[in-house]
Amino acid sequence: MRFLDVCRNLVPGDPDTLSVPYLLIVQGDHVDVHRSKLVIPLMRRSAAPKPIRDVMPVVEVAGEAFVAMAPEMAAVSVREIGPVVGSLLDARSEIRRAIDVLTGDL
């Protein structure tokens, strides 16, 4: 798992109906922590609250819109993170900005 990889969320339930079927890895590749990863939940646009500008970017995974729920980012055990299904490197600036706004770096 690398920075901005999109991974399956392994919570129980049907992946096609979960409100948060994916987790976005936002832990840097240079960080040597193997038991957990810092992630942002990717919530289906249809289930998400109204996105907050600069904090909750809307991204696309497999042709579906998701809200990157940056205010809910957390460390998750790697055992709870499924396989990589894609990457959001093309949304790097929006994701980075959301993290920076939340941490007061902007």
C-alpha atoms as a PDB file:
ATOM      1  CA  MET A   1       0.000   0.000   0.000  1.00  0.00           C
ATOM      2  CA  ARG A   2       1.372   3.349  -1.074  1.00  0.00           C
ATOM      3  CA  PHE A   3       0.408   6.995  -0.679  1.00  0.00           C
ATOM      4  CA  LEU A   4      -2.970   7.679  -2.370  1.00  0.00           C
ATOM      5  CA  ASP A   5      -3.746   4.032  -3.070  1.00  0.00           C
ATOM      6  CA  VAL A   6      -7.457   3.235  -2.904  1.00  0.00           C
ATOM      7  CA  CYS A   7      -8.112   0.036  -0.951  1.00  0.00           C
ATOM      8  CA  ARG A   8     -11.198  -2.014  -0.178  1.00  0.00           C
ATOM      9  CA  ASN A   9     -12.742  -1.394   3.221  1.00  0.00           C
ATOM     10  CA  LEU A  10     -12.973  -4.789   4.923  1.00  0.00           C
ATOM     11  CA  VAL A  11     -15.873  -3.945   7.242  1.00  0.00           C
ATOM     12  CA  PRO A  12     -18.624  -6.577   7.090  1.00  0.00           C
ATOM     13  CA  GLY A  13     -21.320  -6.029   4.510  1.00  0.00           C
ATOM     14  CA  ASP A  14     -21.935  -5.967   0.800  1.00  0.00           C
ATOM     15  CA  PRO A  15     -19.255  -3.798  -0.876  1.00  0.00           C
ATOM     16  CA  ASP A  16     -21.852  -2.683  -3.431  1.00  0.00           C
ATOM     17  CA  THR A  17     -24.061  -1.135  -0.742  1.00  0.00           C
ATOM     18  CA  LEU A  18     -21.556   0.002   1.904  1.00  0.00           C
ATOM     19  CA  SER A  19     -21.555   3.761   2.347  1.00  0.00           C
ATOM     20  CA  VAL A  20     -17.739   3.595   2.736  1.00  0.00           C
ATOM     21  CA  PRO A  21     -16.482   0.813   0.466  1.00  0.00           C
ATOM     22  CA  TYR A  22     -12.972   2.262   0.094  1.00  0.00           C
ATOM     23  CA  LEU A  23     -10.167   3.662   2.222  1.00  0.00           C
ATOM     24  CA  LEU A  24      -7.598   6.084   0.818  1.00  0.00           C
ATOM     25  CA  ILE A  25      -4.043   5.598   2.091  1.00  0.00           C
ATOM     26  CA  VAL A  26      -2.623   8.990   3.093  1.00  0.00           C
ATOM     27  CA  GLN A  27       0.404   7.811   5.046  1.00  0.00           C
ATOM     28  CA  GLY A  28       3.649   8.684   3.321  1.00  0.00           C
ATOM     29  CA  ASP A  29       5.644   5.871   1.742  1.00  0.00           C
ATOM     30  CA  HIS A  30       8.760   6.844   3.707  1.00  0.00           C
ATOM     31  CA  VAL A  31       7.081   6.183   7.079  1.00  0.00           C
ATOM     32  CA  ASP A  32       8.244   2.797   8.342  1.00  0.00           C
ATOM     33  CA  VAL A  33       5.080   1.762  10.210  1.00  0.00           C
ATOM     34  CA  HIS A  34       3.751  -1.616   9.181  1.00  0.00           C
ATOM     35  CA  ARG A  35       0.960  -2.376  11.683  1.00  0.00           C
ATOM     36  CA  SER A  36      -1.322   0.505  10.712  1.00  0.00           C
ATOM     37  CA  LYS A  37      -1.897   3.042   7.955  1.00  0.00           C
ATOM     38  CA  LEU A  38      -3.371   6.533   8.065  1.00  0.00           C
ATOM     39  CA  VAL A  39      -6.480   6.509   5.868  1.00  0.00           C
ATOM     40  CA  ILE A  40      -9.291   8.769   4.708  1.00  0.00           C
ATOM     41  CA  PRO A  41     -12.663   7.029   4.278  1.00  0.00           C
ATOM     42  CA  LEU A  42     -14.160   7.413   0.800  1.00  0.00           C
ATOM     43  CA  MET A  43     -17.929   7.749   1.238  1.00  0.00           C
ATOM     44  CA  ARG A  44     -20.361   7.311  -1.614  1.00  0.00           C
ATOM     45  CA  ARG A  45     -21.509  10.754  -2.781  1.00  0.00           C
ATOM     46  CA  SER A  46     -25.111   9.600  -2.449  1.00  0.00           C
ATOM     47  CA  ALA A  47     -24.607   8.791   1.271  1.00  0.00           C
ATOM     48  CA  ALA A  48     -22.288  11.659   2.202  1.00  0.00           C
ATOM     49  CA  PRO A  49     -23.119  14.966   3.821  1.00  0.00           C
ATOM     50  CA  LYS A  50     -22.667  18.105   1.738  1.00  0.00           C
ATOM     51  CA  PRO A  51     -18.905  18.332   1.100  1.00  0.00           C
ATOM     52  CA  ILE A  52     -17.070  21.128   2.904  1.00  0.00           C
ATOM     53  CA  ARG A  53     -15.016  23.149   0.432  1.00  0.00           C
ATOM     54  CA  ASP A  54     -11.261  22.449   0.616  1.00  0.00           C
ATOM     55  CA  VAL A  55     -11.780  19.780   3.301  1.00  0.00           C
ATOM     56  CA  MET A  56     -13.893  17.069   1.664  1.00  0.00           C
ATOM     57  CA  PRO A  57     -12.926  16.750  -2.014  1.00  0.00           C
ATOM     58  CA  VAL A  58     -15.150  14.786  -4.358  1.00  0.00           C
ATOM     59  CA  VAL A  59     -13.184  12.118  -6.222  1.00  0.00           C
ATOM     60  CA  GLU A  60     -14.002   9.341  -8.653  1.00  0.00           C
ATOM     61  CA  VAL A  61     -13.283   5.630  -8.192  1.00  0.00           C
ATOM     62  CA  ALA A  62     -14.373   3.078 -10.803  1.00  0.00           C
ATOM     63  CA  GLY A  63     -16.721   5.604 -12.395  1.00  0.00           C
ATOM     64  CA  GLU A  64     -18.530   6.478  -9.145  1.00  0.00           C
ATOM     65  CA  ALA A  65     -18.325   9.727  -7.137  1.00  0.00           C
ATOM     66  CA  PHE A  66     -17.046   9.585  -3.561  1.00  0.00           C
ATOM     67  CA  VAL A  67     -16.422  12.208  -0.909  1.00  0.00           C
ATOM     68  CA  ALA A  68     -12.985  12.011   0.716  1.00  0.00           C
ATOM     69  CA  MET A  69     -13.998  12.358   4.366  1.00  0.00           C
ATOM     70  CA  ALA A  70     -10.734  13.974   5.489  1.00  0.00           C
ATOM     71  CA  PRO A  71     -12.174  15.105   8.861  1.00  0.00           C
ATOM     72  CA  GLU A  72     -12.592  11.388   9.652  1.00  0.00           C
ATOM     73  CA  MET A  73      -9.071  10.281   8.786  1.00  0.00           C
ATOM     74  CA  ALA A  74      -7.646   7.754  11.226  1.00  0.00           C
ATOM     75  CA  ALA A  75      -5.028   5.079  11.690  1.00  0.00           C
ATOM     76  CA  VAL A  76      -6.374   1.657  10.765  1.00  0.00           C
ATOM     77  CA  SER A  77      -4.776  -1.740  11.290  1.00  0.00           C
ATOM     78  CA  VAL A  78      -3.457  -3.143   8.024  1.00  0.00           C
ATOM     79  CA  ARG A  79      -5.522  -6.273   8.788  1.00  0.00           C
ATOM     80  CA  GLU A  80      -8.648  -4.149   8.286  1.00  0.00           C
ATOM     81  CA  ILE A  81      -7.545  -2.797   4.913  1.00  0.00           C
ATOM     82  CA  GLY A  82      -8.309  -4.796   1.803  1.00  0.00           C
ATOM     83  CA  PRO A  83      -6.489  -5.012  -1.504  1.00  0.00           C
ATOM     84  CA  VAL A  84      -5.501  -2.008  -3.571  1.00  0.00           C
ATOM     85  CA  VAL A  85      -8.107  -1.327  -6.270  1.00  0.00           C
ATOM     86  CA  GLY A  86      -6.813   1.960  -7.684  1.00  0.00           C
ATOM     87  CA  SER A  87      -4.989   5.209  -7.063  1.00  0.00           C
ATOM     88  CA  LEU A  88      -5.954   8.851  -6.599  1.00  0.00           C
ATOM     89  CA  LEU A  89      -2.584  10.313  -7.568  1.00  0.00           C
ATOM     90  CA  ASP A  90      -4.454  12.518 -10.042  1.00  0.00           C
ATOM     91  CA  ALA A  91      -6.266  14.116  -7.053  1.00  0.00           C
ATOM     92  CA  ARG A  92      -3.075  14.614  -5.042  1.00  0.00           C
ATOM     93  CA  SER A  93      -3.366  18.408  -4.796  1.00  0.00           C
ATOM     94  CA  GLU A  94      -6.987  18.305  -3.583  1.00  0.00           C
ATOM     95  CA  ILE A  95      -6.248  15.578  -1.002  1.00  0.00           C
ATOM     96  CA  ARG A  96      -3.077  17.303   0.187  1.00  0.00           C
ATOM     97  CA  ARG A  97      -4.966  20.612   0.522  1.00  0.00           C
ATOM     98  CA  ALA A  98      -7.705  18.959   2.616  1.00  0.00           C
ATOM     99  CA  ILE A  99      -5.098  17.519   4.985  1.00  0.00           C
ATOM    100  CA  ASP A 100      -3.262  20.856   5.164  1.00  0.00           C
ATOM    101  CA  VAL A 101      -6.464  22.767   5.917  1.00  0.00           C
ATOM    102  CA  LEU A 102      -7.383  20.299   8.671  1.00  0.00           C
ATOM    103  CA  THR A 103      -3.949  20.431  10.279  1.00  0.00           C
ATOM    104  CA  GLY A 104      -3.668  24.211  10.074  1.00  0.00           C
ATOM    105  CA  ASP A 105      -0.847  24.211   7.529  1.00  0.00           C
ATOM    106  CA  LEU A 106      -2.754  26.654   5.297  1.00  0.00           C
END
